[in-house]
Structures are given as C-alpha cells and as structure tokens.
Amino acid sequence: MASSTPSPSCPFIQRLIAALAEDLSDSPRRQDELLLRLLLALELEAEEGGAAEASQIVIARVRRLAGIAACKSSSSVTVRH
C-alpha cells in the first residue's frame, strides 16, 4: 500500500495547492464550477504524468469534494418570480 501522505515537493500537489488558493471568479457558484474543471484536468495530468499514487489519491479526493460543492451550488440557485 502506498504512503497516504503525498510529498509536498510533488509538482502536482503544488499545483493542487495553488489551485485551491486561487480566486477564479467573484461568483461562488462559478468558482466551484471552475475549480472542479481545473481539478479534473489536474487529475488526468497526474495520472498521465506518472504522479505517485498518494498524490493521485489526494487529488481525486479533493476533486470529488469540489464536485459535491459544485453540485450543491448549482442546486441551491433559487428561481424568483
């Protein structure tokens, strides 16, 4: 079993941290959507780039959480009449 803690020197983990720290939009809903797309791309790049298994697992977990947030953001939009 791979170590559960990825190396902080992993370039993919560094990009994950940078993505989480960046403000992508003024709109929280749009922020969630953009972050999810960015994390999906990062996850694929990490897989294709041969990132350590621990790094891939952490990126995938964060991407899943971002997906949940994006779904909740889009479902919480209310229609006003």
PDB file of N, CA and C in Angstrom:
ATOM      1  N   MET A   1       0.843  -1.182   0.000  1.00  0.00           N
ATOM      2  CA  MET A   1       0.000   0.000   0.000  1.00  0.00           C
ATOM      3  C   MET A   1       0.885   1.241   0.000  1.00  0.00           C
ATOM      4  N   ALA A   2       0.521   2.219  -0.791  1.00  0.00           N
ATOM      5  CA  ALA A   2       1.299   3.452  -0.904  1.00  0.00           C
ATOM      6  C   ALA A   2       1.120   4.309   0.340  1.00  0.00           C
ATOM      7  N   SER A   3       2.110   5.135   0.585  1.00  0.00           N
ATOM      8  CA  SER A   3       2.015   6.088   1.682  1.00  0.00           C
ATOM      9  C   SER A   3       0.790   6.969   1.463  1.00  0.00           C
ATOM     10  N   SER A   4       0.065   7.256   2.544  1.00  0.00           N
ATOM     11  CA  SER A   4      -1.151   8.051   2.396  1.00  0.00           C
ATOM     12  C   SER A   4      -0.874   9.546   2.328  1.00  0.00           C
ATOM     13  N   THR A   5       0.353   9.944   2.591  1.00  0.00           N
ATOM     14  CA  THR A   5       0.699  11.366   2.551  1.00  0.00           C
ATOM     15  C   THR A   5       1.598  11.633   1.353  1.00  0.00           C
ATOM     16  N   PRO A   6       1.115  12.450   0.415  1.00  0.00           N
ATOM     17  CA  PRO A   6       1.950  12.749  -0.748  1.00  0.00           C
ATOM     18  C   PRO A   6       3.092  13.690  -0.377  1.00  0.00           C
ATOM     19  N   SER A   7       4.123  13.645  -1.176  1.00  0.00           N
ATOM     20  CA  SER A   7       5.258  14.528  -0.959  1.00  0.00           C
ATOM     21  C   SER A   7       4.883  15.966  -1.303  1.00  0.00           C
ATOM     22  N   PRO A   8       5.188  16.909  -0.414  1.00  0.00           N
ATOM     23  CA  PRO A   8       4.898  18.310  -0.733  1.00  0.00           C
ATOM     24  C   PRO A   8       5.716  18.831  -1.912  1.00  0.00           C
ATOM     25  N   SER A   9       6.774  18.108  -2.271  1.00  0.00           N
ATOM     26  CA  SER A   9       7.590  18.533  -3.410  1.00  0.00           C
ATOM     27  C   SER A   9       7.035  18.045  -4.747  1.00  0.00           C
ATOM     28  N   CYS A  10       5.983  17.231  -4.701  1.00  0.00           N
ATOM     29  CA  CYS A  10       5.356  16.741  -5.932  1.00  0.00           C
ATOM     30  C   CYS A  10       4.775  17.933  -6.688  1.00  0.00           C
ATOM     31  N   PRO A  11       5.147  18.105  -7.956  1.00  0.00           N
ATOM     32  CA  PRO A  11       4.634  19.256  -8.707  1.00  0.00           C
ATOM     33  C   PRO A  11       3.106  19.248  -8.845  1.00  0.00           C
ATOM     34  N   PHE A  12       2.498  18.088  -8.855  1.00  0.00           N
ATOM     35  CA  PHE A  12       1.045  18.012  -8.961  1.00  0.00           C
ATOM     36  C   PHE A  12       0.373  18.469  -7.665  1.00  0.00           C
ATOM     37  N   ILE A  13       0.970  18.141  -6.533  1.00  0.00           N
ATOM     38  CA  ILE A  13       0.452  18.598  -5.245  1.00  0.00           C
ATOM     39  C   ILE A  13       0.649  20.107  -5.115  1.00  0.00           C
ATOM     40  N   GLN A  14       1.769  20.602  -5.600  1.00  0.00           N
ATOM     41  CA  GLN A  14       2.000  22.046  -5.583  1.00  0.00           C
ATOM     42  C   GLN A  14       0.955  22.766  -6.430  1.00  0.00           C
ATOM     43  N   ARG A  15       0.601  22.194  -7.571  1.00  0.00           N
ATOM     44  CA  ARG A  15      -0.433  22.786  -8.428  1.00  0.00           C
ATOM     45  C   ARG A  15      -1.811  22.690  -7.775  1.00  0.00           C
ATOM     46  N   LEU A  16      -2.050  21.604  -7.049  1.00  0.00           N
ATOM     47  CA  LEU A  16      -3.311  21.457  -6.313  1.00  0.00           C
ATOM     48  C   LEU A  16      -3.444  22.579  -5.290  1.00  0.00           C
ATOM     49  N   ILE A  17      -2.396  22.817  -4.537  1.00  0.00           N
ATOM     50  CA  ILE A  17      -2.418  23.869  -3.519  1.00  0.00           C
ATOM     51  C   ILE A  17      -2.628  25.229  -4.170  1.00  0.00           C
ATOM     52  N   ALA A  18      -1.947  25.477  -5.268  1.00  0.00           N
ATOM     53  CA  ALA A  18      -2.098  26.751  -5.974  1.00  0.00           C
ATOM     54  C   ALA A  18      -3.533  26.928  -6.478  1.00  0.00           C
ATOM     55  N   ALA A  19      -4.117  25.850  -6.985  1.00  0.00           N
ATOM     56  CA  ALA A  19      -5.491  25.920  -7.498  1.00  0.00           C
ATOM     57  C   ALA A  19      -6.474  26.227  -6.373  1.00  0.00           C
ATOM     58  N   LEU A  20      -6.260  25.638  -5.221  1.00  0.00           N
ATOM     59  CA  LEU A  20      -7.154  25.868  -4.091  1.00  0.00           C
ATOM     60  C   LEU A  20      -7.025  27.284  -3.541  1.00  0.00           C
ATOM     61  N   ALA A  21      -5.852  27.866  -3.683  1.00  0.00           N
ATOM     62  CA  ALA A  21      -5.605  29.211  -3.156  1.00  0.00           C
ATOM     63  C   ALA A  21      -6.072  30.314  -4.094  1.00  0.00           C
ATOM     64  N   GLU A  22      -6.288  29.974  -5.351  1.00  0.00           N
ATOM     65  CA  GLU A  22      -6.603  30.984  -6.366  1.00  0.00           C
ATOM     66  C   GLU A  22      -8.088  31.326  -6.388  1.00  0.00           C
ATOM     67  N   ASP A  23      -8.370  32.617  -6.501  1.00  0.00           N
ATOM     68  CA  ASP A  23      -9.744  33.067  -6.728  1.00  0.00           C
ATOM     69  C   ASP A  23      -9.984  33.063  -8.234  1.00  0.00           C
ATOM     70  N   LEU A  24     -10.848  32.173  -8.687  1.00  0.00           N
ATOM     71  CA  LEU A  24     -11.104  32.013 -10.110  1.00  0.00           C
ATOM     72  C   LEU A  24     -12.269  32.867 -10.593  1.00  0.00           C
ATOM     73  N   SER A  25     -13.112  33.285  -9.661  1.00  0.00           N
ATOM     74  CA  SER A  25     -14.305  34.049 -10.035  1.00  0.00           C
ATOM     75  C   SER A  25     -14.829  34.804  -8.819  1.00  0.00           C
ATOM     76  N   ASP A  26     -15.564  35.872  -9.077  1.00  0.00           N
ATOM     77  CA  ASP A  26     -16.223  36.600  -7.997  1.00  0.00           C
ATOM     78  C   ASP A  26     -17.484  35.877  -7.525  1.00  0.00           C
ATOM     79  N   SER A  27     -18.026  35.050  -8.379  1.00  0.00           N
ATOM     80  CA  SER A  27     -19.243  34.304  -8.066  1.00  0.00           C
ATOM     81  C   SER A  27     -18.883  32.975  -7.403  1.00  0.00           C
ATOM     82  N   PRO A  28     -19.401  32.713  -6.185  1.00  0.00           N
ATOM     83  CA  PRO A  28     -19.098  31.437  -5.530  1.00  0.00           C
ATOM     84  C   PRO A  28     -19.501  30.225  -6.372  1.00  0.00           C
ATOM     85  N   ARG A  29     -20.665  30.321  -7.033  1.00  0.00           N
ATOM     86  CA  ARG A  29     -21.127  29.208  -7.867  1.00  0.00           C
ATOM     87  C   ARG A  29     -20.157  28.974  -9.024  1.00  0.00           C
ATOM     88  N   ARG A  30     -19.765  30.045  -9.674  1.00  0.00           N
ATOM     89  CA  ARG A  30     -18.823  29.937 -10.795  1.00  0.00           C
ATOM     90  C   ARG A  30     -17.456  29.470 -10.296  1.00  0.00           C
ATOM     91  N   GLN A  31     -17.052  29.921  -9.123  1.00  0.00           N
ATOM     92  CA  GLN A  31     -15.784  29.491  -8.525  1.00  0.00           C
ATOM     93  C   GLN A  31     -15.779  27.967  -8.370  1.00  0.00           C
ATOM     94  N   ASP A  32     -16.870  27.417  -7.845  1.00  0.00           N
ATOM     95  CA  ASP A  32     -16.961  25.966  -7.652  1.00  0.00           C
ATOM     96  C   ASP A  32     -16.857  25.217  -8.974  1.00  0.00           C
ATOM     97  N   GLU A  33     -17.537  25.720 -10.002  1.00  0.00           N
ATOM     98  CA  GLU A  33     -17.514  25.083 -11.319  1.00  0.00           C
ATOM     99  C   GLU A  33     -16.113  25.133 -11.937  1.00  0.00           C
ATOM    100  N   LEU A  34     -15.478  26.287 -11.861  1.00  0.00           N
ATOM    101  CA  LEU A  34     -14.139  26.442 -12.440  1.00  0.00           C
ATOM    102  C   LEU A  34     -13.113  25.586 -11.703  1.00  0.00           C
ATOM    103  N   LEU A  35     -13.223  25.544 -10.380  1.00  0.00           N
ATOM    104  CA  LEU A  35     -12.298  24.720  -9.602  1.00  0.00           C
ATOM    105  C   LEU A  35     -12.464  23.248  -9.954  1.00  0.00           C
ATOM    106  N   LEU A  36     -13.700  22.805 -10.106  1.00  0.00           N
ATOM    107  CA  LEU A  36     -13.942  21.409 -10.471  1.00  0.00           C
ATOM    108  C   LEU A  36     -13.292  21.086 -11.819  1.00  0.00           C
ATOM    109  N   ARG A  37     -13.474  21.947 -12.798  1.00  0.00           N
ATOM    110  CA  ARG A  37     -12.866  21.707 -14.115  1.00  0.00           C
ATOM    111  C   ARG A  37     -11.344  21.668 -14.034  1.00  0.00           C
ATOM    112  N   LEU A  38     -10.784  22.592 -13.265  1.00  0.00           N
ATOM    113  CA  LEU A  38      -9.332  22.641 -13.107  1.00  0.00           C
ATOM    114  C   LEU A  38      -8.821  21.361 -12.445  1.00  0.00           C
ATOM    115  N   LEU A  39      -9.538  20.896 -11.433  1.00  0.00           N
ATOM    116  CA  LEU A  39      -9.122  19.679 -10.730  1.00  0.00           C
ATOM    117  C   LEU A  39      -9.288  18.433 -11.583  1.00  0.00           C
ATOM    118  N   LEU A  40     -10.312  18.399 -12.417  1.00  0.00           N
ATOM    119  CA  LEU A  40     -10.470  17.269 -13.344  1.00  0.00           C
ATOM    120  C   LEU A  40      -9.261  17.181 -14.280  1.00  0.00           C
ATOM    121  N   ALA A  41      -8.857  18.325 -14.809  1.00  0.00           N
ATOM    122  CA  ALA A  41      -7.693  18.363 -15.702  1.00  0.00           C
ATOM    123  C   ALA A  41      -6.430  17.973 -14.949  1.00  0.00           C
ATOM    124  N   LEU A  42      -6.273  18.473 -13.737  1.00  0.00           N
ATOM    125  CA  LEU A  42      -5.091  18.138 -12.941  1.00  0.00           C
ATOM    126  C   LEU A  42      -5.048  16.647 -12.625  1.00  0.00           C
ATOM    127  N   GLU A  43      -6.181  16.076 -12.313  1.00  0.00           N
ATOM    128  CA  GLU A  43      -6.238  14.640 -12.010  1.00  0.00           C
ATOM    129  C   GLU A  43      -5.776  13.815 -13.211  1.00  0.00           C
ATOM    130  N   LEU A  44      -6.253  14.160 -14.395  1.00  0.00           N
ATOM    131  CA  LEU A  44      -5.830  13.443 -15.601  1.00  0.00           C
ATOM    132  C   LEU A  44      -4.343  13.630 -15.870  1.00  0.00           C
ATOM    133  N   GLU A  45      -3.851  14.861 -15.700  1.00  0.00           N
ATOM    134  CA  GLU A  45      -2.430  15.121 -15.912  1.00  0.00           C
ATOM    135  C   GLU A  45      -1.572  14.342 -14.926  1.00  0.00           C
ATOM    136  N   ALA A  46      -2.023  14.244 -13.691  1.00  0.00           N
ATOM    137  CA  ALA A  46      -1.274  13.495 -12.683  1.00  0.00           C
ATOM    138  C   ALA A  46      -1.214  12.009 -13.037  1.00  0.00           C
ATOM    139  N   GLU A  47      -2.336  11.475 -13.501  1.00  0.00           N
ATOM    140  CA  GLU A  47      -2.367  10.068 -13.913  1.00  0.00           C
ATOM    141  C   GLU A  47      -1.434   9.832 -15.098  1.00  0.00           C
ATOM    142  N   GLU A  48      -1.564  10.684 -16.110  1.00  0.00           N
ATOM    143  CA  GLU A  48      -0.753  10.532 -17.318  1.00  0.00           C
ATOM    144  C   GLU A  48       0.713  10.862 -17.066  1.00  0.00           C
ATOM    145  N   GLY A  49       0.965  11.760 -16.116  1.00  0.00           N
ATOM    146  CA  GLY A  49       2.330  12.180 -15.821  1.00  0.00           C
ATOM    147  C   GLY A  49       3.063  11.286 -14.847  1.00  0.00           C
ATOM    148  N   GLY A  50       2.415  10.226 -14.396  1.00  0.00           N
ATOM    149  CA  GLY A  50       3.073   9.271 -13.518  1.00  0.00           C
ATOM    150  C   GLY A  50       3.269   9.758 -12.093  1.00  0.00           C
ATOM    151  N   ALA A  51       2.355  10.576 -11.611  1.00  0.00           N
ATOM    152  CA  ALA A  51       2.440  11.046 -10.226  1.00  0.00           C
ATOM    153  C   ALA A  51       2.355   9.858  -9.274  1.00  0.00           C
ATOM    154  N   ALA A  52       2.945  10.018  -8.114  1.00  0.00           N
ATOM    155  CA  ALA A  52       2.884   8.968  -7.092  1.00  0.00           C
ATOM    156  C   ALA A  52       1.423   8.669  -6.753  1.00  0.00           C
ATOM    157  N   GLU A  53       1.176   7.436  -6.385  1.00  0.00           N
ATOM    158  CA  GLU A  53      -0.195   7.019  -6.075  1.00  0.00           C
ATOM    159  C   GLU A  53      -0.808   7.885  -4.971  1.00  0.00           C
ATOM    160  N   ALA A  54      -0.025   8.222  -3.960  1.00  0.00           N
ATOM    161  CA  ALA A  54      -0.543   9.049  -2.866  1.00  0.00           C
ATOM    162  C   ALA A  54      -0.992  10.412  -3.384  1.00  0.00           C
ATOM    163  N   SER A  55      -0.258  10.983  -4.304  1.00  0.00           N
ATOM    164  CA  SER A  55      -0.635  12.273  -4.890  1.00  0.00           C
ATOM    165  C   SER A  55      -1.921  12.138  -5.692  1.00  0.00           C
ATOM    166  N   GLN A  56      -2.023  11.076  -6.473  1.00  0.00           N
ATOM    167  CA  GLN A  56      -3.227  10.859  -7.272  1.00  0.00           C
ATOM    168  C   GLN A  56      -4.453  10.684  -6.393  1.00  0.00           C
ATOM    169  N   ILE A  57      -4.298   9.978  -5.294  1.00  0.00           N
ATOM    170  CA  ILE A  57      -5.421   9.747  -4.379  1.00  0.00           C
ATOM    171  C   ILE A  57      -5.901  11.058  -3.767  1.00  0.00           C
ATOM    172  N   VAL A  58      -4.959  11.884  -3.321  1.00  0.00           N
ATOM    173  CA  VAL A  58      -5.336  13.164  -2.708  1.00  0.00           C
ATOM    174  C   VAL A  58      -6.011  14.070  -3.733  1.00  0.00           C
ATOM    175  N   ILE A  59      -5.471  14.150  -4.927  1.00  0.00           N
ATOM    176  CA  ILE A  59      -6.075  14.986  -5.974  1.00  0.00           C
ATOM    177  C   ILE A  59      -7.488  14.502  -6.287  1.00  0.00           C
ATOM    178  N   ALA A  60      -7.675  13.195  -6.388  1.00  0.00           N
ATOM    179  CA  ALA A  60      -9.001  12.635  -6.680  1.00  0.00           C
ATOM    180  C   ALA A  60      -9.985  12.942  -5.552  1.00  0.00           C
ATOM    181  N   ARG A  61      -9.531  12.857  -4.302  1.00  0.00           N
ATOM    182  CA  ARG A  61     -10.418  13.158  -3.173  1.00  0.00           C
ATOM    183  C   ARG A  61     -10.843  14.617  -3.177  1.00  0.00           C
ATOM    184  N   VAL A  62      -9.901  15.509  -3.433  1.00  0.00           N
ATOM    185  CA  VAL A  62     -10.226  16.939  -3.476  1.00  0.00           C
ATOM    186  C   VAL A  62     -11.154  17.223  -4.651  1.00  0.00           C
ATOM    187  N   ARG A  63     -10.918  16.569  -5.786  1.00  0.00           N
ATOM    188  CA  ARG A  63     -11.793  16.743  -6.955  1.00  0.00           C
ATOM    189  C   ARG A  63     -13.219  16.281  -6.644  1.00  0.00           C
ATOM    190  N   ARG A  64     -13.356  15.160  -5.930  1.00  0.00           N
ATOM    191  CA  ARG A  64     -14.695  14.686  -5.553  1.00  0.00           C
ATOM    192  C   ARG A  64     -15.396  15.695  -4.638  1.00  0.00           C
ATOM    193  N   LEU A  65     -14.666  16.245  -3.679  1.00  0.00           N
ATOM    194  CA  LEU A  65     -15.246  17.252  -2.791  1.00  0.00           C
ATOM    195  C   LEU A  65     -15.651  18.501  -3.568  1.00  0.00           C
ATOM    196  N   ALA A  66     -14.825  18.899  -4.518  1.00  0.00           N
ATOM    197  CA  ALA A  66     -15.160  20.053  -5.358  1.00  0.00           C
ATOM    198  C   ALA A  66     -16.405  19.763  -6.191  1.00  0.00           C
ATOM    199  N   GLY A  67     -16.546  18.531  -6.640  1.00  0.00           N
ATOM    200  CA  GLY A  67     -17.735  18.145  -7.398  1.00  0.00           C
ATOM    201  C   GLY A  67     -18.992  18.227  -6.557  1.00  0.00           C
ATOM    202  N   ILE A  68     -18.901  17.802  -5.314  1.00  0.00           N
ATOM    203  CA  ILE A  68     -20.042  17.891  -4.404  1.00  0.00           C
ATOM    204  C   ILE A  68     -20.407  19.359  -4.180  1.00  0.00           C
ATOM    205  N   ALA A  69     -19.397  20.195  -3.962  1.00  0.00           N
ATOM    206  CA  ALA A  69     -19.645  21.625  -3.750  1.00  0.00           C
ATOM    207  C   ALA A  69     -20.286  22.254  -4.985  1.00  0.00           C
ATOM    208  N   ALA A  70     -19.795  21.892  -6.166  1.00  0.00           N
ATOM    209  CA  ALA A  70     -20.347  22.448  -7.402  1.00  0.00           C
ATOM    210  C   ALA A  70     -21.800  22.016  -7.587  1.00  0.00           C
ATOM    211  N   CYS A  71     -22.107  20.772  -7.265  1.00  0.00           N
ATOM    212  CA  CYS A  71     -23.492  20.289  -7.374  1.00  0.00           C
ATOM    213  C   CYS A  71     -24.404  21.023  -6.403  1.00  0.00           C
ATOM    214  N   LYS A  72     -23.932  21.207  -5.183  1.00  0.00           N
ATOM    215  CA  LYS A  72     -24.744  21.910  -4.187  1.00  0.00           C
ATOM    216  C   LYS A  72     -24.936  23.367  -4.576  1.00  0.00           C
ATOM    217  N   SER A  73     -23.899  23.984  -5.124  1.00  0.00           N
ATOM    218  CA  SER A  73     -24.007  25.382  -5.558  1.00  0.00           C
ATOM    219  C   SER A  73     -25.042  25.530  -6.659  1.00  0.00           C
ATOM    220  N   SER A  74     -25.004  24.616  -7.621  1.00  0.00           N
ATOM    221  CA  SER A  74     -25.932  24.737  -8.748  1.00  0.00           C
ATOM    222  C   SER A  74     -27.355  24.369  -8.349  1.00  0.00           C
ATOM    223  N   SER A  75     -27.514  23.492  -7.366  1.00  0.00           N
ATOM    224  CA  SER A  75     -28.867  23.114  -6.939  1.00  0.00           C
ATOM    225  C   SER A  75     -29.464  24.103  -5.960  1.00  0.00           C
ATOM    226  N   SER A  76     -28.628  24.978  -5.376  1.00  0.00           N
ATOM    227  CA  SER A  76     -29.153  25.938  -4.411  1.00  0.00           C
ATOM    228  C   SER A  76     -29.606  27.241  -5.054  1.00  0.00           C
ATOM    229  N   VAL A  77     -29.464  27.319  -6.369  1.00  0.00           N
ATOM    230  CA  VAL A  77     -29.926  28.512  -7.066  1.00  0.00           C
ATOM    231  C   VAL A  77     -31.448  28.514  -7.045  1.00  0.00           C
ATOM    232  N   THR A  78     -32.008  29.601  -6.561  1.00  0.00           N
ATOM    233  CA  THR A  78     -33.471  29.684  -6.476  1.00  0.00           C
ATOM    234  C   THR A  78     -34.013  30.538  -7.600  1.00  0.00           C
ATOM    235  N   VAL A  79     -35.165  30.165  -8.050  1.00  0.00           N
ATOM    236  CA  VAL A  79     -35.844  30.919  -9.101  1.00  0.00           C
ATOM    237  C   VAL A  79     -36.849  31.832  -8.421  1.00  0.00           C
ATOM    238  N   ARG A  80     -36.762  33.111  -8.705  1.00  0.00           N
ATOM    239  CA  ARG A  80     -37.685  34.074  -8.110  1.00  0.00           C
ATOM    240  C   ARG A  80     -38.680  34.542  -9.163  1.00  0.00           C
ATOM    241  N   HIS A  81     -39.906  34.691  -8.742  1.00  0.00           N
ATOM    242  CA  HIS A  81     -40.972  35.132  -9.642  1.00  0.00           C
ATOM    243  C   HIS A  81     -41.366  36.536  -9.338  1.00  0.00           C
TER     244      HIS A  81
END
